[in-house]
Structure formats: structure tokens, C-alpha cells
Amino acid sequence: SKAFDTVNHSSNLSKLSSLPVPDQLYNWLVGYFNGHSHTTQYNNITS
């Protein structure tokens, strides 16, 4: 169910770290995943 939406960032990055990817790429992806958030605004009210 909703596989693409529920994958944990932490487990995904952990598996990525076990692969032979350049450190620069791995660090960039860590930064890419970090700091994403979501809010909803309706009728001038923000969640």
C-alpha cells in the first residue's frame, strides 16, 4: 500500500550508505532529505 509514499528516509539512506557511491553524492542526498515539511492553509488558517 502506497509504497512510494511511506518509505523511511532513514532506512533508505542507511541502505544507500552500504553501496559504493561517492561520499559527495551520499552527503548531498542526506542534505536533500533533510528539512522537508508540510503545512496546510485553509480559510486563512494555517496548520
PDB file of all heavy atoms in Angstrom:
ATOM      1  N   SER A   1       0.826  -1.209   0.000  1.00  0.00           N
ATOM      2  CA  SER A   1       0.000   0.000   0.000  1.00  0.00           C
ATOM      3  C   SER A   1       0.862   1.262   0.000  1.00  0.00           C
ATOM      4  O   SER A   1       1.721   1.433   0.862  1.00  0.00           O
ATOM      5  CB  SER A   1      -0.909   0.006   1.233  1.00  0.00           C
ATOM      6  OG  SER A   1      -1.769  -1.113   1.235  1.00  0.00           O
ATOM      7  N   LYS A   2       0.621   2.135  -0.979  1.00  0.00           N
ATOM      8  CA  LYS A   2       1.290   3.444  -1.057  1.00  0.00           C
ATOM      9  C   LYS A   2       2.795   3.331  -0.810  1.00  0.00           C
ATOM     10  O   LYS A   2       3.372   4.080  -0.013  1.00  0.00           O
ATOM     11  CB  LYS A   2       0.664   4.409  -0.058  1.00  0.00           C
ATOM     12  CG  LYS A   2      -0.814   4.671  -0.321  1.00  0.00           C
ATOM     13  CD  LYS A   2      -1.400   5.664   0.677  1.00  0.00           C
ATOM     14  CE  LYS A   2      -2.871   5.933   0.379  1.00  0.00           C
ATOM     15  NZ  LYS A   2      -3.474   6.881   1.361  1.00  0.00           N
ATOM     16  N   ALA A   3       3.416   2.395  -1.511  1.00  0.00           N
ATOM     17  CA  ALA A   3       4.827   2.088  -1.255  1.00  0.00           C
ATOM     18  C   ALA A   3       5.738   3.292  -1.431  1.00  0.00           C
ATOM     19  O   ALA A   3       6.643   3.524  -0.623  1.00  0.00           O
ATOM     20  CB  ALA A   3       5.280   0.950  -2.169  1.00  0.00           C
ATOM     21  N   PHE A   4       5.502   4.099  -2.470  1.00  0.00           N
ATOM     22  CA  PHE A   4       6.391   5.235  -2.739  1.00  0.00           C
ATOM     23  C   PHE A   4       6.255   6.336  -1.684  1.00  0.00           C
ATOM     24  O   PHE A   4       7.156   7.147  -1.500  1.00  0.00           O
ATOM     25  CB  PHE A   4       6.105   5.820  -4.125  1.00  0.00           C
ATOM     26  CG  PHE A   4       6.606   4.980  -5.255  1.00  0.00           C
ATOM     27  CD1 PHE A   4       5.790   4.027  -5.848  1.00  0.00           C
ATOM     28  CD2 PHE A   4       7.901   5.120  -5.736  1.00  0.00           C
ATOM     29  CE1 PHE A   4       6.246   3.246  -6.890  1.00  0.00           C
ATOM     30  CE2 PHE A   4       8.373   4.341  -6.777  1.00  0.00           C
ATOM     31  CZ  PHE A   4       7.543   3.401  -7.358  1.00  0.00           C
ATOM     32  N   ASP A   5       5.101   6.353  -1.011  1.00  0.00           N
ATOM     33  CA  ASP A   5       4.841   7.439  -0.066  1.00  0.00           C
ATOM     34  C   ASP A   5       5.294   7.141   1.359  1.00  0.00           C
ATOM     35  O   ASP A   5       5.366   8.056   2.185  1.00  0.00           O
ATOM     36  CB  ASP A   5       3.339   7.756  -0.035  1.00  0.00           C
ATOM     37  CG  ASP A   5       2.832   8.264  -1.365  1.00  0.00           C
ATOM     38  OD1 ASP A   5       3.622   8.919  -2.077  1.00  0.00           O
ATOM     39  OD2 ASP A   5       1.669   8.001  -1.697  1.00  0.00           O
ATOM     40  N   THR A   6       5.560   5.877   1.678  1.00  0.00           N
ATOM     41  CA  THR A   6       5.794   5.520   3.082  1.00  0.00           C
ATOM     42  C   THR A   6       7.222   5.061   3.386  1.00  0.00           C
ATOM     43  O   THR A   6       7.535   4.757   4.540  1.00  0.00           O
ATOM     44  CB  THR A   6       4.813   4.411   3.508  1.00  0.00           C
ATOM     45  OG1 THR A   6       4.968   3.273   2.650  1.00  0.00           O
ATOM     46  CG2 THR A   6       3.377   4.893   3.423  1.00  0.00           C
ATOM     47  N   VAL A   7       8.081   4.993   2.377  1.00  0.00           N
ATOM     48  CA  VAL A   7       9.461   4.543   2.605  1.00  0.00           C
ATOM     49  C   VAL A   7      10.174   5.496   3.561  1.00  0.00           C
ATOM     50  O   VAL A   7      10.182   6.712   3.351  1.00  0.00           O
ATOM     51  CB  VAL A   7      10.229   4.471   1.270  1.00  0.00           C
ATOM     52  CG1 VAL A   7      11.706   4.192   1.525  1.00  0.00           C
ATOM     53  CG2 VAL A   7       9.637   3.389   0.382  1.00  0.00           C
ATOM     54  N   ASN A   8      10.782   4.953   4.602  1.00  0.00           N
ATOM     55  CA  ASN A   8      11.503   5.773   5.579  1.00  0.00           C
ATOM     56  C   ASN A   8      12.772   6.363   4.975  1.00  0.00           C
ATOM     57  O   ASN A   8      13.546   5.658   4.333  1.00  0.00           O
ATOM     58  CB  ASN A   8      11.897   4.924   6.799  1.00  0.00           C
ATOM     59  CG  ASN A   8      10.797   4.904   7.836  1.00  0.00           C
ATOM     60  OD1 ASN A   8      10.050   5.853   7.970  1.00  0.00           O
ATOM     61  ND2 ASN A   8      10.699   3.808   8.561  1.00  0.00           N
ATOM     62  N   HIS A   9      13.002   7.649   5.192  1.00  0.00           N
ATOM     63  CA  HIS A   9      14.243   8.275   4.734  1.00  0.00           C
ATOM     64  C   HIS A   9      15.454   7.634   5.406  1.00  0.00           C
ATOM     65  O   HIS A   9      16.477   7.382   4.756  1.00  0.00           O
ATOM     66  CB  HIS A   9      14.226   9.774   5.043  1.00  0.00           C
ATOM     67  CG  HIS A   9      13.206  10.524   4.251  1.00  0.00           C
ATOM     68  ND1 HIS A   9      12.913  11.849   4.478  1.00  0.00           N
ATOM     69  CD2 HIS A   9      12.419  10.137   3.206  1.00  0.00           C
ATOM     70  CE1 HIS A   9      11.991  12.247   3.620  1.00  0.00           C
ATOM     71  NE2 HIS A   9      11.679  11.232   2.852  1.00  0.00           N
ATOM     72  N   SER A  10      15.339   7.352   6.693  1.00  0.00           N
ATOM     73  CA  SER A  10      16.492   6.831   7.439  1.00  0.00           C
ATOM     74  C   SER A  10      16.922   5.466   6.928  1.00  0.00           C
ATOM     75  O   SER A  10      18.117   5.219   6.720  1.00  0.00           O
ATOM     76  CB  SER A  10      16.161   6.750   8.934  1.00  0.00           C
ATOM     77  OG  SER A  10      15.010   5.942   9.146  1.00  0.00           O
ATOM     78  N   SER A  11      15.953   4.559   6.687  1.00  0.00           N
ATOM     79  CA  SER A  11      16.316   3.225   6.199  1.00  0.00           C
ATOM     80  C   SER A  11      16.836   3.294   4.769  1.00  0.00           C
ATOM     81  O   SER A  11      17.760   2.560   4.392  1.00  0.00           O
ATOM     82  CB  SER A  11      15.111   2.282   6.282  1.00  0.00           C
ATOM     83  OG  SER A  11      14.054   2.727   5.453  1.00  0.00           O
ATOM     84  N   ASN A  12      16.269   4.201   3.973  1.00  0.00           N
ATOM     85  CA  ASN A  12      16.719   4.350   2.589  1.00  0.00           C
ATOM     86  C   ASN A  12      18.167   4.827   2.538  1.00  0.00           C
ATOM     87  O   ASN A  12      18.998   4.294   1.797  1.00  0.00           O
ATOM     88  CB  ASN A  12      15.810   5.336   1.859  1.00  0.00           C
ATOM     89  CG  ASN A  12      15.754   5.085   0.369  1.00  0.00           C
ATOM     90  OD1 ASN A  12      16.686   4.557  -0.204  1.00  0.00           O
ATOM     91  ND2 ASN A  12      14.663   5.478  -0.257  1.00  0.00           N
ATOM     92  N   LEU A  13      18.486   5.826   3.353  1.00  0.00           N
ATOM     93  CA  LEU A  13      19.850   6.345   3.381  1.00  0.00           C
ATOM     94  C   LEU A  13      20.823   5.330   3.964  1.00  0.00           C
ATOM     95  O   LEU A  13      21.987   5.260   3.550  1.00  0.00           O
ATOM     96  CB  LEU A  13      19.890   7.646   4.185  1.00  0.00           C
ATOM     97  CG  LEU A  13      19.208   8.850   3.528  1.00  0.00           C
ATOM     98  CD1 LEU A  13      19.135  10.014   4.503  1.00  0.00           C
ATOM     99  CD2 LEU A  13      19.945   9.263   2.262  1.00  0.00           C
ATOM    100  N   SER A  14      20.359   4.537   4.920  1.00  0.00           N
ATOM    101  CA  SER A  14      21.219   3.505   5.504  1.00  0.00           C
ATOM    102  C   SER A  14      21.622   2.477   4.444  1.00  0.00           C
ATOM    103  O   SER A  14      22.785   2.063   4.373  1.00  0.00           O
ATOM    104  CB  SER A  14      20.492   2.822   6.660  1.00  0.00           C
ATOM    105  OG  SER A  14      21.263   1.761   7.189  1.00  0.00           O
ATOM    106  N   LYS A  15      20.660   2.086   3.608  1.00  0.00           N
ATOM    107  CA  LYS A  15      20.968   1.126   2.546  1.00  0.00           C
ATOM    108  C   LYS A  15      21.870   1.760   1.489  1.00  0.00           C
ATOM    109  O   LYS A  15      22.760   1.104   0.948  1.00  0.00           O
ATOM    110  CB  LYS A  15      19.676   0.617   1.911  1.00  0.00           C
ATOM    111  CG  LYS A  15      18.819  -0.203   2.858  1.00  0.00           C
ATOM    112  CD  LYS A  15      17.481  -0.558   2.232  1.00  0.00           C
ATOM    113  CE  LYS A  15      16.576  -1.216   3.260  1.00  0.00           C
ATOM    114  NZ  LYS A  15      15.264  -1.570   2.705  1.00  0.00           N
ATOM    115  N   LEU A  16      21.623   3.030   1.210  1.00  0.00           N
ATOM    116  CA  LEU A  16      22.457   3.731   0.238  1.00  0.00           C
ATOM    117  C   LEU A  16      23.903   3.810   0.712  1.00  0.00           C
ATOM    118  O   LEU A  16      24.837   3.700  -0.089  1.00  0.00           O
ATOM    119  CB  LEU A  16      21.901   5.128  -0.003  1.00  0.00           C
ATOM    120  CG  LEU A  16      22.585   5.963  -1.077  1.00  0.00           C
ATOM    121  CD1 LEU A  16      22.398   5.338  -2.454  1.00  0.00           C
ATOM    122  CD2 LEU A  16      22.033   7.386  -1.084  1.00  0.00           C
ATOM    123  N   SER A  17      24.102   3.960   2.015  1.00  0.00           N
ATOM    124  CA  SER A  17      25.459   4.075   2.559  1.00  0.00           C
ATOM    125  C   SER A  17      26.258   2.792   2.408  1.00  0.00           C
ATOM    126  O   SER A  17      27.490   2.817   2.435  1.00  0.00           O
ATOM    127  CB  SER A  17      25.401   4.471   4.039  1.00  0.00           C
ATOM    128  OG  SER A  17      24.852   3.422   4.819  1.00  0.00           O
ATOM    129  N   SER A  18      25.561   1.660   2.233  1.00  0.00           N
ATOM    130  CA  SER A  18      26.264   0.383   2.066  1.00  0.00           C
ATOM    131  C   SER A  18      26.694   0.137   0.625  1.00  0.00           C
ATOM    132  O   SER A  18      27.407  -0.823   0.341  1.00  0.00           O
ATOM    133  CB  SER A  18      25.369  -0.770   2.527  1.00  0.00           C
ATOM    134  OG  SER A  18      24.237  -0.907   1.668  1.00  0.00           O
ATOM    135  N   LEU A  19      26.274   1.009  -0.284  1.00  0.00           N
ATOM    136  CA  LEU A  19      26.618   0.858  -1.694  1.00  0.00           C
ATOM    137  C   LEU A  19      27.853   1.694  -2.033  1.00  0.00           C
ATOM    138  O   LEU A  19      28.151   2.676  -1.349  1.00  0.00           O
ATOM    139  CB  LEU A  19      25.436   1.284  -2.569  1.00  0.00           C
ATOM    140  CG  LEU A  19      24.132   0.511  -2.383  1.00  0.00           C
ATOM    141  CD1 LEU A  19      23.030   1.099  -3.259  1.00  0.00           C
ATOM    142  CD2 LEU A  19      24.322  -0.964  -2.705  1.00  0.00           C
ATOM    143  N   PRO A  20      28.566   1.334  -3.086  1.00  0.00           N
ATOM    144  CA  PRO A  20      29.783   2.079  -3.460  1.00  0.00           C
ATOM    145  C   PRO A  20      29.471   3.372  -4.189  1.00  0.00           C
ATOM    146  O   PRO A  20      29.792   3.540  -5.373  1.00  0.00           O
ATOM    147  CB  PRO A  20      30.521   1.082  -4.368  1.00  0.00           C
ATOM    148  CG  PRO A  20      29.436   0.265  -4.996  1.00  0.00           C
ATOM    149  CD  PRO A  20      28.387   0.118  -3.930  1.00  0.00           C
ATOM    150  N   VAL A  21      28.819   4.310  -3.488  1.00  0.00           N
ATOM    151  CA  VAL A  21      28.530   5.619  -4.080  1.00  0.00           C
ATOM    152  C   VAL A  21      29.521   6.640  -3.524  1.00  0.00           C
ATOM    153  O   VAL A  21      29.987   6.511  -2.381  1.00  0.00           O
ATOM    154  CB  VAL A  21      27.086   6.068  -3.772  1.00  0.00           C
ATOM    155  CG1 VAL A  21      26.085   5.105  -4.381  1.00  0.00           C
ATOM    156  CG2 VAL A  21      26.862   6.196  -2.279  1.00  0.00           C
ATOM    157  N   PRO A  22      29.884   7.653  -4.285  1.00  0.00           N
ATOM    158  CA  PRO A  22      30.821   8.678  -3.799  1.00  0.00           C
ATOM    159  C   PRO A  22      30.281   9.377  -2.555  1.00  0.00           C
ATOM    160  O   PRO A  22      29.077   9.592  -2.422  1.00  0.00           O
ATOM    161  CB  PRO A  22      30.931   9.650  -4.987  1.00  0.00           C
ATOM    162  CG  PRO A  22      30.502   8.856  -6.183  1.00  0.00           C
ATOM    163  CD  PRO A  22      29.476   7.890  -5.687  1.00  0.00           C
ATOM    164  N   ASP A  23      31.192   9.734  -1.657  1.00  0.00           N
ATOM    165  CA  ASP A  23      30.786  10.419  -0.428  1.00  0.00           C
ATOM    166  C   ASP A  23      30.043  11.720  -0.727  1.00  0.00           C
ATOM    167  O   ASP A  23      29.084  12.069  -0.036  1.00  0.00           O
ATOM    168  CB  ASP A  23      32.011  10.722   0.441  1.00  0.00           C
ATOM    169  CG  ASP A  23      32.634   9.464   1.024  1.00  0.00           C
ATOM    170  OD1 ASP A  23      31.930   8.426   1.038  1.00  0.00           O
ATOM    171  OD2 ASP A  23      33.800   9.514   1.456  1.00  0.00           O
ATOM    172  N   GLN A  24      30.483  12.430  -1.769  1.00  0.00           N
ATOM    173  CA  GLN A  24      29.840  13.696  -2.099  1.00  0.00           C
ATOM    174  C   GLN A  24      28.369  13.490  -2.470  1.00  0.00           C
ATOM    175  O   GLN A  24      27.500  14.280  -2.067  1.00  0.00           O
ATOM    176  CB  GLN A  24      30.563  14.381  -3.276  1.00  0.00           C
ATOM    177  CG  GLN A  24      32.019  14.732  -2.996  1.00  0.00           C
ATOM    178  CD  GLN A  24      32.954  13.610  -3.453  1.00  0.00           C
ATOM    179  OE1 GLN A  24      32.601  12.435  -3.369  1.00  0.00           O
ATOM    180  NE2 GLN A  24      34.122  13.992  -3.938  1.00  0.00           N
ATOM    181  N   LEU A  25      28.102  12.415  -3.216  1.00  0.00           N
ATOM    182  CA  LEU A  25      26.723  12.131  -3.612  1.00  0.00           C
ATOM    183  C   LEU A  25      25.886  11.743  -2.392  1.00  0.00           C
ATOM    184  O   LEU A  25      24.750  12.223  -2.222  1.00  0.00           O
ATOM    185  CB  LEU A  25      26.686  11.008  -4.650  1.00  0.00           C
ATOM    186  CG  LEU A  25      25.301  10.500  -5.055  1.00  0.00           C
ATOM    187  CD1 LEU A  25      24.461  11.635  -5.639  1.00  0.00           C
ATOM    188  CD2 LEU A  25      25.409   9.349  -6.052  1.00  0.00           C
ATOM    189  N   TYR A  26      26.458  10.896  -1.543  1.00  0.00           N
ATOM    190  CA  TYR A  26      25.716  10.469  -0.357  1.00  0.00           C
ATOM    191  C   TYR A  26      25.404  11.675   0.537  1.00  0.00           C
ATOM    192  O   TYR A  26      24.267  11.831   1.010  1.00  0.00           O
ATOM    193  CB  TYR A  26      26.512   9.425   0.417  1.00  0.00           C
ATOM    194  CG  TYR A  26      25.853   9.025   1.715  1.00  0.00           C
ATOM    195  CD1 TYR A  26      24.758   8.160   1.721  1.00  0.00           C
ATOM    196  CD2 TYR A  26      26.308   9.534   2.934  1.00  0.00           C
ATOM    197  CE1 TYR A  26      24.136   7.813   2.909  1.00  0.00           C
ATOM    198  CE2 TYR A  26      25.683   9.188   4.124  1.00  0.00           C
ATOM    199  CZ  TYR A  26      24.599   8.322   4.103  1.00  0.00           C
ATOM    200  OH  TYR A  26      23.977   7.988   5.278  1.00  0.00           O
ATOM    201  N   ASN A  27      26.389  12.524   0.770  1.00  0.00           N
ATOM    202  CA  ASN A  27      26.185  13.698   1.627  1.00  0.00           C
ATOM    203  C   ASN A  27      25.159  14.657   1.016  1.00  0.00           C
ATOM    204  O   ASN A  27      24.367  15.284   1.739  1.00  0.00           O
ATOM    205  CB  ASN A  27      27.512  14.422   1.854  1.00  0.00           C
ATOM    206  CG  ASN A  27      28.474  13.606   2.696  1.00  0.00           C
ATOM    207  OD1 ASN A  27      28.050  12.773   3.495  1.00  0.00           O
ATOM    208  ND2 ASN A  27      29.767  13.831   2.511  1.00  0.00           N
ATOM    209  N   TRP A  28      25.177  14.775  -0.315  1.00  0.00           N
ATOM    210  CA  TRP A  28      24.190  15.635  -0.984  1.00  0.00           C
ATOM    211  C   TRP A  28      22.783  15.100  -0.767  1.00  0.00           C
ATOM    212  O   TRP A  28      21.850  15.873  -0.499  1.00  0.00           O
ATOM    213  CB  TRP A  28      24.506  15.706  -2.471  1.00  0.00           C
ATOM    214  CG  TRP A  28      23.575  16.624  -3.229  1.00  0.00           C
ATOM    215  CD1 TRP A  28      23.718  17.963  -3.432  1.00  0.00           C
ATOM    216  CD2 TRP A  28      22.345  16.257  -3.866  1.00  0.00           C
ATOM    217  NE1 TRP A  28      22.661  18.458  -4.153  1.00  0.00           N
ATOM    218  CE2 TRP A  28      21.794  17.438  -4.435  1.00  0.00           C
ATOM    219  CE3 TRP A  28      21.660  15.056  -4.009  1.00  0.00           C
ATOM    220  CZ2 TRP A  28      20.597  17.433  -5.137  1.00  0.00           C
ATOM    221  CZ3 TRP A  28      20.454  15.052  -4.695  1.00  0.00           C
ATOM    222  CH2 TRP A  28      19.938  16.236  -5.255  1.00  0.00           C
ATOM    223  N   LEU A  29      22.618  13.757  -0.853  1.00  0.00           N
ATOM    224  CA  LEU A  29      21.306  13.148  -0.655  1.00  0.00           C
ATOM    225  C   LEU A  29      20.834  13.299   0.788  1.00  0.00           C
ATOM    226  O   LEU A  29      19.643  13.507   1.039  1.00  0.00           O
ATOM    227  CB  LEU A  29      21.340  11.667  -1.056  1.00  0.00           C
ATOM    228  CG  LEU A  29      21.429  11.413  -2.561  1.00  0.00           C
ATOM    229  CD1 LEU A  29      21.709   9.948  -2.847  1.00  0.00           C
ATOM    230  CD2 LEU A  29      20.135  11.844  -3.239  1.00  0.00           C
ATOM    231  N   VAL A  30      21.758  13.181   1.735  1.00  0.00           N
ATOM    232  CA  VAL A  30      21.396  13.400   3.139  1.00  0.00           C
ATOM    233  C   VAL A  30      20.845  14.815   3.308  1.00  0.00           C
ATOM    234  O   VAL A  30      19.816  15.037   3.966  1.00  0.00           O
ATOM    235  CB  VAL A  30      22.606  13.172   4.068  1.00  0.00           C
ATOM    236  CG1 VAL A  30      22.283  13.629   5.492  1.00  0.00           C
ATOM    237  CG2 VAL A  30      23.012  11.707   4.069  1.00  0.00           C
ATOM    238  N   GLY A  31      21.518  15.786   2.706  1.00  0.00           N
ATOM    239  CA  GLY A  31      21.048  17.159   2.765  1.00  0.00           C
ATOM    240  C   GLY A  31      19.726  17.352   2.041  1.00  0.00           C
ATOM    241  O   GLY A  31      18.872  18.129   2.481  1.00  0.00           O
ATOM    242  N   TYR A  32      19.549  16.633   0.939  1.00  0.00           N
ATOM    243  CA  TYR A  32      18.311  16.741   0.166  1.00  0.00           C
ATOM    244  C   TYR A  32      17.112  16.256   0.972  1.00  0.00           C
ATOM    245  O   TYR A  32      16.033  16.854   0.938  1.00  0.00           O
ATOM    246  CB  TYR A  32      18.450  15.934  -1.121  1.00  0.00           C
ATOM    247  CG  TYR A  32      17.202  15.905  -1.978  1.00  0.00           C
ATOM    248  CD1 TYR A  32      16.847  16.995  -2.760  1.00  0.00           C
ATOM    249  CD2 TYR A  32      16.389  14.766  -2.005  1.00  0.00           C
ATOM    250  CE1 TYR A  32      15.706  16.965  -3.560  1.00  0.00           C
ATOM    251  CE2 TYR A  32      15.247  14.727  -2.785  1.00  0.00           C
ATOM    252  CZ  TYR A  32      14.914  15.828  -3.564  1.00  0.00           C
ATOM    253  OH  TYR A  32      13.787  15.800  -4.331  1.00  0.00           O
ATOM    254  N   PHE A  33      17.287  15.160   1.722  1.00  0.00           N
ATOM    255  CA  PHE A  33      16.193  14.607   2.502  1.00  0.00           C
ATOM    256  C   PHE A  33      15.904  15.430   3.755  1.00  0.00           C
ATOM    257  O   PHE A  33      14.804  15.380   4.300  1.00  0.00           O
ATOM    258  CB  PHE A  33      16.514  13.164   2.928  1.00  0.00           C
ATOM    259  CG  PHE A  33      16.180  12.140   1.881  1.00  0.00           C
ATOM    260  CD1 PHE A  33      17.183  11.505   1.168  1.00  0.00           C
ATOM    261  CD2 PHE A  33      14.863  11.814   1.596  1.00  0.00           C
ATOM    262  CE1 PHE A  33      16.879  10.557   0.204  1.00  0.00           C
ATOM    263  CE2 PHE A  33      14.550  10.873   0.632  1.00  0.00           C
ATOM    264  CZ  PHE A  33      15.558  10.240  -0.069  1.00  0.00           C
ATOM    265  N   ASN A  34      16.875  16.160   4.214  1.00  0.00           N
ATOM    266  CA  ASN A  34      16.744  16.865   5.492  1.00  0.00           C
ATOM    267  C   ASN A  34      15.930  18.166   5.343  1.00  0.00           C
ATOM    268  O   ASN A  34      16.080  18.901   4.371  1.00  0.00           O
ATOM    269  CB  ASN A  34      18.128  17.207   6.050  1.00  0.00           C
ATOM    270  CG  ASN A  34      18.049  17.780   7.446  1.00  0.00           C
ATOM    271  OD1 ASN A  34      17.254  17.340   8.275  1.00  0.00           O
ATOM    272  ND2 ASN A  34      18.881  18.765   7.725  1.00  0.00           N
ATOM    273  N   GLY A  35      15.052  18.406   6.294  1.00  0.00           N
ATOM    274  CA  GLY A  35      14.385  19.701   6.368  1.00  0.00           C
ATOM    275  C   GLY A  35      13.110  19.853   5.569  1.00  0.00           C
ATOM    276  O   GLY A  35      12.596  20.971   5.446  1.00  0.00           O
ATOM    277  N   HIS A  36      12.566  18.778   5.014  1.00  0.00           N
ATOM    278  CA  HIS A  36      11.304  18.882   4.291  1.00  0.00           C
ATOM    279  C   HIS A  36      10.136  18.896   5.281  1.00  0.00           C
ATOM    280  O   HIS A  36      10.132  18.143   6.264  1.00  0.00           O
ATOM    281  CB  HIS A  36      11.141  17.716   3.317  1.00  0.00           C
ATOM    282  CG  HIS A  36      12.015  17.808   2.114  1.00  0.00           C
ATOM    283  ND1 HIS A  36      11.623  18.403   0.932  1.00  0.00           N
ATOM    284  CD2 HIS A  36      13.285  17.395   1.911  1.00  0.00           C
ATOM    285  CE1 HIS A  36      12.610  18.348   0.058  1.00  0.00           C
ATOM    286  NE2 HIS A  36      13.627  17.737   0.624  1.00  0.00           N
ATOM    287  N   SER A  37       9.148  19.738   5.017  1.00  0.00           N
ATOM    288  CA  SER A  37       7.990  19.827   5.907  1.00  0.00           C
ATOM    289  C   SER A  37       6.752  20.199   5.097  1.00  0.00           C
ATOM    290  O   SER A  37       6.837  20.537   3.907  1.00  0.00           O
ATOM    291  CB  SER A  37       8.234  20.862   7.005  1.00  0.00           C
ATOM    292  OG  SER A  37       8.466  22.150   6.427  1.00  0.00           O
ATOM    293  N   HIS A  38       5.611  20.135   5.767  1.00  0.00           N
ATOM    294  CA  HIS A  38       4.351  20.398   5.067  1.00  0.00           C
ATOM    295  C   HIS A  38       3.388  21.126   5.990  1.00  0.00           C
ATOM    296  O   HIS A  38       3.258  20.792   7.168  1.00  0.00           O
ATOM    297  CB  HIS A  38       3.718  19.073   4.619  1.00  0.00           C
ATOM    298  CG  HIS A  38       2.372  19.244   3.975  1.00  0.00           C
ATOM    299  ND1 HIS A  38       2.218  19.650   2.677  1.00  0.00           N
ATOM    300  CD2 HIS A  38       1.115  19.069   4.466  1.00  0.00           C
ATOM    301  CE1 HIS A  38       0.934  19.718   2.384  1.00  0.00           C
ATOM    302  NE2 HIS A  38       0.232  19.368   3.455  1.00  0.00           N
ATOM    303  N   THR A  39       2.721  22.125   5.459  1.00  0.00           N
ATOM    304  CA  THR A  39       1.642  22.808   6.172  1.00  0.00           C
ATOM    305  C   THR A  39       0.454  22.968   5.231  1.00  0.00           C
ATOM    306  O   THR A  39       0.612  22.944   4.004  1.00  0.00           O
ATOM    307  CB  THR A  39       2.067  24.204   6.670  1.00  0.00           C
ATOM    308  OG1 THR A  39       2.471  24.985   5.534  1.00  0.00           O
ATOM    309  CG2 THR A  39       3.198  24.118   7.671  1.00  0.00           C
ATOM    310  N   THR A  40      -0.716  23.152   5.816  1.00  0.00           N
ATOM    311  CA  THR A  40      -1.936  23.334   5.031  1.00  0.00           C
ATOM    312  C   THR A  40      -2.607  24.632   5.456  1.00  0.00           C
ATOM    313  O   THR A  40      -2.738  24.906   6.659  1.00  0.00           O
ATOM    314  CB  THR A  40      -2.904  22.159   5.238  1.00  0.00           C
ATOM    315  OG1 THR A  40      -2.281  20.944   4.822  1.00  0.00           O
ATOM    316  CG2 THR A  40      -4.180  22.370   4.432  1.00  0.00           C
ATOM    317  N   GLN A  41      -3.014  25.412   4.476  1.00  0.00           N
ATOM    318  CA  GLN A  41      -3.709  26.663   4.768  1.00  0.00           C
ATOM    319  C   GLN A  41      -5.100  26.634   4.157  1.00  0.00           C
ATOM    320  O   GLN A  41      -5.274  26.317   2.977  1.00  0.00           O
ATOM    321  CB  GLN A  41      -2.930  27.865   4.224  1.00  0.00           C
ATOM    322  CG  GLN A  41      -3.514  29.206   4.653  1.00  0.00           C
ATOM    323  CD  GLN A  41      -2.683  30.375   4.155  1.00  0.00           C
ATOM    324  OE1 GLN A  41      -2.492  30.526   2.955  1.00  0.00           O
ATOM    325  NE2 GLN A  41      -2.190  31.194   5.082  1.00  0.00           N
ATOM    326  N   TYR A  42      -6.084  26.925   4.992  1.00  0.00           N
ATOM    327  CA  TYR A  42      -7.470  26.949   4.504  1.00  0.00           C
ATOM    328  C   TYR A  42      -8.233  28.031   5.258  1.00  0.00           C
ATOM    329  O   TYR A  42      -8.196  28.099   6.498  1.00  0.00           O
ATOM    330  CB  TYR A  42      -8.136  25.583   4.718  1.00  0.00           C
ATOM    331  CG  TYR A  42      -9.602  25.572   4.342  1.00  0.00           C
ATOM    332  CD1 TYR A  42      -9.989  25.594   3.004  1.00  0.00           C
ATOM    333  CD2 TYR A  42     -10.583  25.563   5.327  1.00  0.00           C
ATOM    334  CE1 TYR A  42     -11.327  25.598   2.646  1.00  0.00           C
ATOM    335  CE2 TYR A  42     -11.925  25.557   4.984  1.00  0.00           C
ATOM    336  CZ  TYR A  42     -12.290  25.576   3.640  1.00  0.00           C
ATOM    337  OH  TYR A  42     -13.628  25.576   3.287  1.00  0.00           O
ATOM    338  N   ASN A  43      -8.920  28.871   4.512  1.00  0.00           N
ATOM    339  CA  ASN A  43      -9.749  29.919   5.105  1.00  0.00           C
ATOM    340  C   ASN A  43      -8.934  30.793   6.070  1.00  0.00           C
ATOM    341  O   ASN A  43      -9.372  31.098   7.191  1.00  0.00           O
ATOM    342  CB  ASN A  43     -10.944  29.300   5.826  1.00  0.00           C
ATOM    343  CG  ASN A  43     -12.067  30.301   6.061  1.00  0.00           C
ATOM    344  OD1 ASN A  43     -12.156  31.325   5.365  1.00  0.00           O
ATOM    345  ND2 ASN A  43     -12.913  30.028   7.048  1.00  0.00           N
ATOM    346  N   ASN A  44      -7.713  31.131   5.618  1.00  0.00           N
ATOM    347  CA  ASN A  44      -6.799  31.990   6.388  1.00  0.00           C
ATOM    348  C   ASN A  44      -6.318  31.351   7.692  1.00  0.00           C
ATOM    349  O   ASN A  44      -5.816  32.042   8.582  1.00  0.00           O
ATOM    350  CB  ASN A  44      -7.451  33.338   6.706  1.00  0.00           C
ATOM    351  CG  ASN A  44      -7.692  34.154   5.449  1.00  0.00           C
ATOM    352  OD1 ASN A  44      -6.881  34.116   4.512  1.00  0.00           O
ATOM    353  ND2 ASN A  44      -8.803  34.881   5.413  1.00  0.00           N
ATOM    354  N   ILE A  45      -6.478  30.045   7.811  1.00  0.00           N
ATOM    355  CA  ILE A  45      -5.982  29.316   8.980  1.00  0.00           C
ATOM    356  C   ILE A  45      -4.881  28.371   8.513  1.00  0.00           C
ATOM    357  O   ILE A  45      -5.067  27.608   7.553  1.00  0.00           O
ATOM    358  CB  ILE A  45      -7.092  28.518   9.681  1.00  0.00           C
ATOM    359  CG1 ILE A  45      -8.194  29.457  10.169  1.00  0.00           C
ATOM    360  CG2 ILE A  45      -6.536  27.717  10.859  1.00  0.00           C
ATOM    361  CD1 ILE A  45      -9.403  28.753  10.745  1.00  0.00           C
ATOM    362  N   THR A  46      -3.725  28.444   9.147  1.00  0.00           N
ATOM    363  CA  THR A  46      -2.582  27.611   8.771  1.00  0.00           C
ATOM    364  C   THR A  46      -2.357  26.547   9.833  1.00  0.00           C
ATOM    365  O   THR A  46      -2.336  26.838  11.034  1.00  0.00           O
ATOM    366  CB  THR A  46      -1.316  28.470   8.631  1.00  0.00           C
ATOM    367  OG1 THR A  46      -1.550  29.488   7.654  1.00  0.00           O
ATOM    368  CG2 THR A  46      -0.130  27.622   8.191  1.00  0.00           C
ATOM    369  N   SER A  47      -2.195  25.310   9.376  1.00  0.00           N
ATOM    370  CA  SER A  47      -1.980  24.190  10.295  1.00  0.00           C
ATOM    371  C   SER A  47      -0.564  24.235  10.861  1.00  0.00           C
ATOM    372  O   SER A  47       0.294  24.999  10.397  1.00  0.00           O
ATOM    373  CB  SER A  47      -2.186  22.866   9.571  1.00  0.00           C
ATOM    374  OG  SER A  47      -1.146  22.655   8.620  1.00  0.00           O
TER     375      SER A  47
END
